[in-house]
Amino acid sequence: MSNATEDAKGRAKEAAGAVTGDDHMRRAGKADQASASAKDAVERAGKQAEDAVDTVKDKLTGS
């Protein structure tokens, strides 16, 4: 499942929990959203690290 899908699922759970008064569902929705956000951050950090390695390689090889 993509991070955007997981975030949307979390938003839906949170909203459903709020409407029905189900705190467990609301908290589960918030947890899904936090998980998606954390995964996005890890993916961004990985991409930035790859870009930094490529930059160093280019400088070392003169490309």
N, C-alpha and C. Protein backbone atom coordinates (compact mmCIF):
# COMPACT_ATOMS: atom_id res chain seq x y z
N MET A 1 0.86 -1.17 0.00
CA MET A 1 0.00 0.00 0.00
C MET A 1 0.91 1.24 0.00
N SER A 2 0.58 2.20 -0.82
CA SER A 2 1.39 3.42 -0.88
C SER A 2 1.18 4.25 0.39
N ASN A 3 2.14 5.12 0.63
CA ASN A 3 2.05 5.97 1.81
C ASN A 3 0.84 6.89 1.73
N ALA A 4 0.53 7.38 0.54
CA ALA A 4 -0.64 8.24 0.38
C ALA A 4 -1.93 7.48 0.68
N THR A 5 -1.97 6.23 0.26
CA THR A 5 -3.15 5.40 0.53
C THR A 5 -3.28 5.14 2.02
N GLU A 6 -2.14 4.84 2.66
CA GLU A 6 -2.17 4.59 4.10
C GLU A 6 -2.60 5.83 4.86
N ASP A 7 -2.14 6.99 4.41
CA ASP A 7 -2.54 8.25 5.05
C ASP A 7 -4.04 8.47 4.87
N ALA A 8 -4.55 8.25 3.67
CA ALA A 8 -5.99 8.43 3.41
C ALA A 8 -6.82 7.46 4.25
N LYS A 9 -6.34 6.22 4.34
CA LYS A 9 -7.04 5.23 5.17
C LYS A 9 -7.07 5.70 6.63
N GLY A 10 -5.94 6.25 7.08
CA GLY A 10 -5.88 6.75 8.45
C GLY A 10 -6.82 7.91 8.69
N ARG A 11 -6.90 8.81 7.71
CA ARG A 11 -7.82 9.95 7.84
C ARG A 11 -9.26 9.47 7.91
N ALA A 12 -9.58 8.48 7.08
CA ALA A 12 -10.94 7.93 7.09
C ALA A 12 -11.25 7.27 8.43
N LYS A 13 -10.30 6.50 8.95
CA LYS A 13 -10.52 5.85 10.26
C LYS A 13 -10.69 6.89 11.36
N GLU A 14 -9.83 7.92 11.32
CA GLU A 14 -9.92 8.96 12.34
C GLU A 14 -11.28 9.66 12.29
N ALA A 15 -11.73 9.97 11.08
CA ALA A 15 -13.02 10.64 10.92
C ALA A 15 -14.16 9.73 11.38
N ALA A 16 -14.10 8.46 11.00
CA ALA A 16 -15.14 7.52 11.41
C ALA A 16 -15.17 7.39 12.93
N GLY A 17 -14.00 7.34 13.52
CA GLY A 17 -13.93 7.24 14.98
C GLY A 17 -14.49 8.48 15.66
N ALA A 18 -14.21 9.64 15.07
CA ALA A 18 -14.73 10.89 15.64
C ALA A 18 -16.25 10.94 15.54
N VAL A 19 -16.78 10.52 14.41
CA VAL A 19 -18.23 10.56 14.19
C VAL A 19 -18.95 9.58 15.11
N THR A 20 -18.38 8.39 15.27
CA THR A 20 -19.04 7.35 16.07
C THR A 20 -18.68 7.39 17.55
N GLY A 21 -17.70 8.23 17.89
CA GLY A 21 -17.26 8.30 19.28
C GLY A 21 -16.34 7.14 19.66
N ASP A 22 -15.79 6.46 18.67
CA ASP A 22 -14.92 5.31 18.91
C ASP A 22 -13.46 5.80 19.00
N ASP A 23 -12.99 5.99 20.24
CA ASP A 23 -11.64 6.50 20.43
C ASP A 23 -10.57 5.55 19.90
N HIS A 24 -10.83 4.25 19.99
CA HIS A 24 -9.86 3.27 19.48
C HIS A 24 -9.69 3.44 17.97
N MET A 25 -10.78 3.59 17.25
CA MET A 25 -10.73 3.78 15.80
C MET A 25 -10.04 5.10 15.46
N ARG A 26 -10.35 6.15 16.21
CA ARG A 26 -9.73 7.45 15.98
C ARG A 26 -8.22 7.38 16.17
N ARG A 27 -7.79 6.71 17.26
CA ARG A 27 -6.35 6.57 17.53
C ARG A 27 -5.68 5.70 16.48
N ALA A 28 -6.35 4.66 16.03
CA ALA A 28 -5.80 3.80 14.97
C ALA A 28 -5.60 4.61 13.69
N GLY A 29 -6.53 5.48 13.40
CA GLY A 29 -6.40 6.35 12.23
C GLY A 29 -5.22 7.28 12.34
N LYS A 30 -5.03 7.86 13.51
CA LYS A 30 -3.88 8.74 13.73
C LYS A 30 -2.58 7.95 13.60
N ALA A 31 -2.57 6.72 14.08
CA ALA A 31 -1.38 5.88 13.99
C ALA A 31 -1.06 5.56 12.53
N ASP A 32 -2.08 5.28 11.74
CA ASP A 32 -1.87 5.01 10.31
C ASP A 32 -1.27 6.24 9.62
N GLN A 33 -1.77 7.41 9.97
CA GLN A 33 -1.26 8.64 9.37
C GLN A 33 0.19 8.87 9.78
N ALA A 34 0.50 8.63 11.05
CA ALA A 34 1.87 8.82 11.53
C ALA A 34 2.82 7.84 10.85
N SER A 35 2.36 6.62 10.65
CA SER A 35 3.17 5.61 9.97
C SER A 35 3.47 6.04 8.54
N ALA A 36 2.49 6.52 7.84
CA ALA A 36 2.68 6.97 6.46
C ALA A 36 3.65 8.15 6.42
N SER A 37 3.51 9.06 7.36
CA SER A 37 4.39 10.22 7.43
C SER A 37 5.84 9.80 7.70
N ALA A 38 6.02 8.85 8.60
CA ALA A 38 7.37 8.37 8.91
C ALA A 38 7.99 7.68 7.70
N LYS A 39 7.20 6.88 7.00
CA LYS A 39 7.71 6.20 5.81
C LYS A 39 8.12 7.22 4.75
N ASP A 40 7.32 8.27 4.57
CA ASP A 40 7.68 9.32 3.63
C ASP A 40 9.01 9.97 4.00
N ALA A 41 9.19 10.23 5.29
CA ALA A 41 10.43 10.87 5.75
C ALA A 41 11.63 9.97 5.49
N VAL A 42 11.49 8.69 5.73
CA VAL A 42 12.59 7.74 5.49
C VAL A 42 12.91 7.69 4.00
N GLU A 43 11.89 7.66 3.17
CA GLU A 43 12.12 7.62 1.72
C GLU A 43 12.82 8.89 1.25
N ARG A 44 12.41 10.05 1.77
CA ARG A 44 13.06 11.31 1.40
C ARG A 44 14.51 11.33 1.84
N ALA A 45 14.78 10.85 3.05
CA ALA A 45 16.15 10.82 3.55
C ALA A 45 17.01 9.90 2.71
N GLY A 46 16.46 8.77 2.31
CA GLY A 46 17.20 7.84 1.46
C GLY A 46 17.53 8.46 0.11
N LYS A 47 16.59 9.17 -0.46
CA LYS A 47 16.80 9.84 -1.75
C LYS A 47 17.86 10.92 -1.61
N GLN A 48 17.82 11.67 -0.51
CA GLN A 48 18.82 12.71 -0.30
C GLN A 48 20.21 12.11 -0.13
N ALA A 49 20.30 10.98 0.54
CA ALA A 49 21.59 10.30 0.72
C ALA A 49 22.11 9.82 -0.64
N GLU A 50 21.24 9.24 -1.45
CA GLU A 50 21.65 8.81 -2.78
C GLU A 50 22.15 9.98 -3.60
N ASP A 51 21.45 11.11 -3.54
CA ASP A 51 21.87 12.30 -4.28
C ASP A 51 23.22 12.80 -3.80
N ALA A 52 23.45 12.76 -2.49
CA ALA A 52 24.73 13.21 -1.94
C ALA A 52 25.86 12.30 -2.40
N VAL A 53 25.63 11.00 -2.42
CA VAL A 53 26.64 10.05 -2.89
C VAL A 53 26.94 10.31 -4.36
N ASP A 54 25.92 10.53 -5.16
CA ASP A 54 26.12 10.80 -6.58
C ASP A 54 26.93 12.08 -6.78
N THR A 55 26.65 13.09 -5.98
CA THR A 55 27.39 14.35 -6.08
C THR A 55 28.87 14.14 -5.77
N VAL A 56 29.16 13.38 -4.73
CA VAL A 56 30.54 13.10 -4.36
C VAL A 56 31.23 12.29 -5.46
N LYS A 57 30.54 11.28 -5.99
CA LYS A 57 31.11 10.49 -7.08
C LYS A 57 31.45 11.36 -8.28
N ASP A 58 30.52 12.27 -8.63
CA ASP A 58 30.75 13.15 -9.76
C ASP A 58 31.97 14.04 -9.53
N LYS A 59 32.14 14.52 -8.31
CA LYS A 59 33.28 15.38 -8.02
C LYS A 59 34.59 14.60 -8.07
N LEU A 60 34.55 13.35 -7.61
CA LEU A 60 35.75 12.53 -7.60
C LEU A 60 36.16 12.07 -9.00
N THR A 61 35.17 11.83 -9.85
CA THR A 61 35.47 11.35 -11.20
C THR A 61 35.56 12.48 -12.21
N GLY A 62 35.22 13.70 -11.78
CA GLY A 62 35.29 14.85 -12.68
C GLY A 62 34.15 14.91 -13.67
N SER A 63 33.09 14.22 -13.39
CA SER A 63 31.94 14.24 -14.31
C SER A 63 31.10 15.47 -14.13
